[in-house]
Amino acid sequence: MDYHFGNVEYWNREGGYEAPNVESWVFRWYGRILRDELGISGRKGEKLLEFGCGAGAALNFFHRQGFEAYGVDISEGDIARAKQRTLEARDRIRVIPPEPSENADYFGVKFDVVVGIQAFYYFNNTDFRKMITGIYRQMKPGGIIYATMIGTRAQYYERSTDAGDGLRNVNTGNDRRKLKNYFCQFTESEEDLIRKFSLFTPIRVGHYEFVWQEEEGREYHYTFTGRKPLDAR
């Protein structure tokens, strides 16, 4: 099946994916790296894009810090909730097509910061390059990107099959959650992570992991913070 269709079908199920609170890998990254290390607090109204904003928990967090926050997602249900959560920014939140483009134009502005929290890995290699090139083009020189990418150490990798061009199809489930035609690409190592984001100069590379239920296995994500070169267009 066309994996784009599978992604849309999955993320629109039952109106989307409800995550009402901002996660620690968002607010800790903001406090420790973006604000304290890089000096970008949001107080100057810096333009921030969240790619794959979902129902808007992180987007609303950045909005409250003072950023001129923008959000995009493929799920109509999630975008509807994000607009309700961040009413002042509702005109800066919209649904986008699942197929990426190098010439994507998100709101016609240049961004100081782009974040993709568990959102950048739902593409095969070819589409990932299109997506990240389009985002790079819309960032200001010196702009900051923050990405979290699922790793091969995550339990889903063992329960997936090769779907071609770097993509894998996850089919697994239990009484709590069932995944069918859940397409994503996995990152093997920090070196692989840096290669995927080679357009950017690495600043910080890390990971986060957790196990909530032993029978479901481990969640594992790499984190990448990078900068668009100052001399880039």
Protein backbone atom coordinates (compact mmCIF):
# COMPACT_ATOMS: atom_id res chain seq x y z
CA MET A 1 0.00 0.00 0.00
CA ASP A 2 1.05 3.66 -0.37
CA TYR A 3 2.67 4.43 2.96
CA HIS A 4 1.46 8.04 2.81
CA PHE A 5 -2.11 6.75 2.88
CA GLY A 6 -1.25 4.45 5.79
CA ASN A 7 0.17 7.37 7.76
CA VAL A 8 -2.89 9.55 7.20
CA GLU A 9 -5.24 6.70 8.07
CA TYR A 10 -3.35 5.94 11.28
CA TRP A 11 -3.03 9.52 12.55
CA ASN A 12 -6.65 10.35 11.77
CA ARG A 13 -8.00 7.36 13.64
CA GLU A 14 -10.61 8.37 16.20
CA GLY A 15 -9.89 12.03 15.51
CA GLY A 16 -6.14 11.92 16.10
CA TYR A 17 -3.71 11.32 18.92
CA GLU A 18 -4.41 13.05 22.21
CA ALA A 19 -1.29 14.11 24.15
CA PRO A 20 -2.45 16.93 26.44
CA ASN A 21 0.84 17.69 28.22
CA VAL A 22 4.26 18.78 27.03
CA GLU A 23 6.88 16.02 27.39
CA SER A 24 10.16 16.30 29.30
CA TRP A 25 12.21 15.98 26.10
CA VAL A 26 10.54 19.20 25.00
CA PHE A 27 10.73 21.45 28.06
CA ARG A 28 14.12 20.16 29.22
CA TRP A 29 15.58 20.71 25.74
CA TYR A 30 14.12 24.21 25.73
CA GLY A 31 15.51 25.09 29.16
CA ARG A 32 18.91 23.45 28.94
CA ILE A 33 19.86 23.91 25.31
CA LEU A 34 17.69 26.35 23.38
CA ARG A 35 17.38 28.99 26.11
CA ASP A 36 20.40 28.54 28.39
CA GLU A 37 23.02 27.37 25.89
CA LEU A 38 21.92 29.03 22.66
CA GLY A 39 20.24 32.10 24.12
CA ILE A 40 16.92 31.68 22.30
CA SER A 41 14.14 32.11 24.84
CA GLY A 42 11.16 33.25 22.76
CA ARG A 43 11.10 36.66 24.45
CA LYS A 44 12.07 38.32 21.18
CA GLY A 45 9.15 36.71 19.38
CA GLU A 46 11.37 34.35 17.40
CA LYS A 47 9.54 32.42 14.70
CA LEU A 48 9.24 28.71 15.51
CA LEU A 49 7.74 25.93 13.40
CA GLU A 50 6.66 22.63 14.90
CA PHE A 51 6.53 20.01 12.16
CA GLY A 52 4.04 17.33 13.21
CA CYS A 53 2.53 19.44 15.98
CA GLY A 54 -0.28 16.97 16.72
CA ALA A 55 -2.87 18.31 19.15
CA GLY A 56 -0.62 21.21 20.07
CA ALA A 57 0.78 20.54 23.55
CA ALA A 58 4.37 21.43 22.64
CA LEU A 59 3.24 24.16 20.27
CA ASN A 60 1.26 25.79 23.07
CA PHE A 61 4.28 25.49 25.37
CA PHE A 62 6.48 27.38 22.92
CA HIS A 63 3.71 29.91 22.33
CA ARG A 64 3.58 30.60 26.08
CA GLN A 65 7.34 31.24 26.13
CA GLY A 66 6.79 34.10 23.67
CA PHE A 67 7.65 32.47 20.34
CA GLU A 68 5.65 33.32 17.24
CA ALA A 69 4.68 29.68 16.97
CA TYR A 70 3.50 27.88 13.82
CA GLY A 71 2.34 24.27 13.54
CA VAL A 72 1.65 21.78 10.76
CA ASP A 73 0.39 18.19 10.79
CA ILE A 74 -1.31 15.68 8.49
CA SER A 75 -4.08 14.87 11.00
CA GLU A 76 -7.22 16.99 10.64
CA GLY A 77 -8.49 15.95 14.07
CA ASP A 78 -5.24 16.87 15.80
CA ILE A 79 -5.05 20.24 14.05
CA ALA A 80 -8.60 21.04 15.13
CA ARG A 81 -7.60 20.37 18.76
CA ALA A 82 -4.36 22.34 18.39
CA LYS A 83 -6.32 25.37 17.20
CA GLN A 84 -8.55 25.17 20.26
CA ARG A 85 -5.57 24.79 22.57
CA THR A 86 -3.72 27.78 21.14
CA LEU A 87 -6.50 30.14 20.11
CA GLU A 88 -4.25 33.18 19.68
CA ALA A 89 -2.16 31.29 17.13
CA ARG A 90 -4.95 29.38 15.37
CA ASP A 91 -4.26 31.12 12.05
CA ARG A 92 -0.70 29.80 12.24
CA ILE A 93 -1.75 26.13 12.51
CA ARG A 94 -2.78 24.08 9.50
CA VAL A 95 -3.12 20.66 7.88
CA ILE A 96 -0.48 19.76 5.28
CA PRO A 97 -0.40 16.98 2.65
CA PRO A 98 1.40 13.77 3.69
CA GLU A 99 3.71 13.90 0.63
CA PRO A 100 6.68 16.22 1.31
CA SER A 101 8.14 18.71 -1.16
CA GLU A 102 11.49 20.46 -1.44
CA ASN A 103 9.51 23.57 -2.37
CA ALA A 104 7.12 23.44 0.59
CA ASP A 105 6.06 26.87 1.79
CA TYR A 106 4.88 26.84 5.39
CA PHE A 107 3.17 30.19 5.97
CA GLY A 108 5.58 32.15 3.77
CA VAL A 109 7.98 33.03 6.59
CA LYS A 110 11.59 32.21 7.53
CA PHE A 111 11.97 30.35 10.82
CA ASP A 112 14.46 30.88 13.63
CA VAL A 113 13.69 27.47 15.12
CA VAL A 114 12.17 24.24 13.76
CA VAL A 115 11.24 21.31 15.97
CA GLY A 116 10.13 17.85 14.92
CA ILE A 117 9.32 15.75 17.98
CA GLN A 118 8.76 12.13 16.99
CA ALA A 119 7.56 13.40 13.63
CA PHE A 120 10.47 13.41 11.15
CA TYR A 121 10.77 9.64 10.80
CA TYR A 122 7.51 8.86 9.00
CA PHE A 123 9.16 9.06 5.57
CA ASN A 124 11.24 6.81 3.37
CA ASN A 125 14.74 7.99 2.50
CA THR A 126 13.70 9.76 -0.70
CA ASP A 127 10.85 11.65 0.95
CA PHE A 128 12.93 12.42 4.04
CA ARG A 129 15.46 14.24 1.86
CA LYS A 130 12.66 16.23 0.21
CA MET A 131 11.13 17.09 3.57
CA ILE A 132 14.35 18.14 5.29
CA THR A 133 15.48 20.13 2.24
CA GLY A 134 12.19 22.02 2.20
CA ILE A 135 12.48 22.80 5.91
CA TYR A 136 16.14 23.84 5.55
CA ARG A 137 15.16 26.23 2.77
CA GLN A 138 12.59 27.92 5.01
CA MET A 139 14.97 28.47 7.92
CA LYS A 140 16.99 31.62 8.50
CA PRO A 141 20.79 31.35 8.28
CA GLY A 142 21.90 30.31 11.76
CA GLY A 143 18.46 28.82 12.49
CA ILE A 144 18.19 25.95 14.98
CA ILE A 145 16.61 22.55 14.34
CA TYR A 146 15.64 20.03 17.01
CA ALA A 147 14.66 16.50 15.95
CA THR A 148 13.88 13.28 17.77
CA MET A 149 14.25 10.09 15.72
CA ILE A 150 13.21 6.55 16.65
CA GLY A 151 16.16 4.18 17.04
CA THR A 152 16.67 0.54 16.13
CA ARG A 153 16.89 -0.16 19.87
CA ALA A 154 13.17 0.57 20.13
CA GLN A 155 10.90 -2.45 20.47
CA TYR A 156 9.07 -1.59 17.25
CA TYR A 157 12.14 -2.38 15.16
CA GLU A 158 12.02 -6.08 16.05
CA ARG A 159 8.34 -6.13 15.08
CA SER A 160 8.77 -4.51 11.68
CA THR A 161 9.50 -5.65 8.13
CA ASP A 162 11.42 -3.97 5.35
CA ALA A 163 9.20 -1.73 3.21
CA GLY A 164 11.96 -0.42 0.92
CA ASP A 165 13.95 2.80 0.64
CA GLY A 166 14.83 2.86 4.33
CA LEU A 167 11.22 2.48 5.49
CA ARG A 168 9.86 -0.30 7.70
CA ASN A 169 6.29 -1.47 8.30
CA VAL A 170 5.41 -2.10 11.95
CA ASN A 171 2.62 -4.56 12.69
CA THR A 172 2.19 -5.39 16.35
CA GLY A 173 -0.20 -4.89 19.21
CA ASN A 174 -1.86 -5.97 22.41
CA ASP A 175 -5.06 -5.16 24.29
CA ARG A 176 -3.87 -1.60 24.87
CA ARG A 177 -2.67 -0.65 21.41
CA LYS A 178 -2.61 -2.18 17.96
CA LEU A 179 -0.38 -1.07 15.12
CA LYS A 180 -1.06 -2.08 11.53
CA ASN A 181 0.68 -0.56 8.50
CA TYR A 182 2.55 1.84 10.76
CA PHE A 183 5.39 3.06 8.55
CA CYS A 184 8.57 4.69 9.83
CA GLN A 185 12.32 4.74 9.34
CA PHE A 186 14.71 3.81 12.14
CA THR A 187 18.04 5.39 13.06
CA GLU A 188 20.89 3.00 13.82
CA SER A 189 23.38 5.18 15.69
CA GLU A 190 24.49 8.73 16.47
CA GLU A 191 26.58 8.63 13.29
CA ASP A 192 23.51 7.67 11.27
CA LEU A 193 21.57 10.48 12.96
CA ILE A 194 24.19 13.07 12.03
CA ARG A 195 24.23 11.76 8.46
CA LYS A 196 20.46 12.15 8.14
CA PHE A 197 20.76 15.81 9.20
CA SER A 198 23.97 16.51 7.28
CA LEU A 199 22.61 19.84 6.01
CA PHE A 200 23.05 21.15 9.56
CA THR A 201 26.05 21.66 11.82
CA PRO A 202 25.59 19.39 14.88
CA ILE A 203 25.40 21.13 18.26
CA ARG A 204 24.09 18.44 20.61
CA VAL A 205 23.32 14.75 20.04
CA GLY A 206 21.67 12.54 22.67
CA HIS A 207 18.81 10.14 23.32
CA TYR A 208 15.95 9.30 25.66
CA GLU A 209 14.44 5.92 26.47
CA PHE A 210 11.87 4.38 28.79
CA VAL A 211 9.99 1.18 29.54
CA TRP A 212 6.48 1.48 30.97
CA GLN A 213 5.27 -2.09 30.44
CA GLU A 214 7.84 -4.86 30.16
CA GLU A 215 5.82 -6.90 27.69
CA GLU A 216 5.70 -3.95 25.29
CA GLY A 217 9.44 -3.40 25.33
CA ARG A 218 11.58 -0.29 25.17
CA GLU A 219 10.98 3.13 23.62
CA TYR A 220 14.20 4.68 22.31
CA HIS A 221 14.71 7.97 20.49
CA TYR A 222 17.81 9.86 19.42
CA THR A 223 17.86 13.65 19.74
CA PHE A 224 19.60 16.03 17.36
CA THR A 225 20.14 19.75 17.79
CA GLY A 226 21.77 21.46 14.82
CA ARG A 227 22.30 24.82 13.20
CA LYS A 228 21.82 25.96 9.63
CA PRO A 229 25.18 27.47 8.60
CA LEU A 230 25.34 31.24 8.87
CA ASP A 231 26.57 31.59 5.30
CA ALA A 232 23.73 29.43 3.87
CA ARG A 233 20.82 30.81 1.91
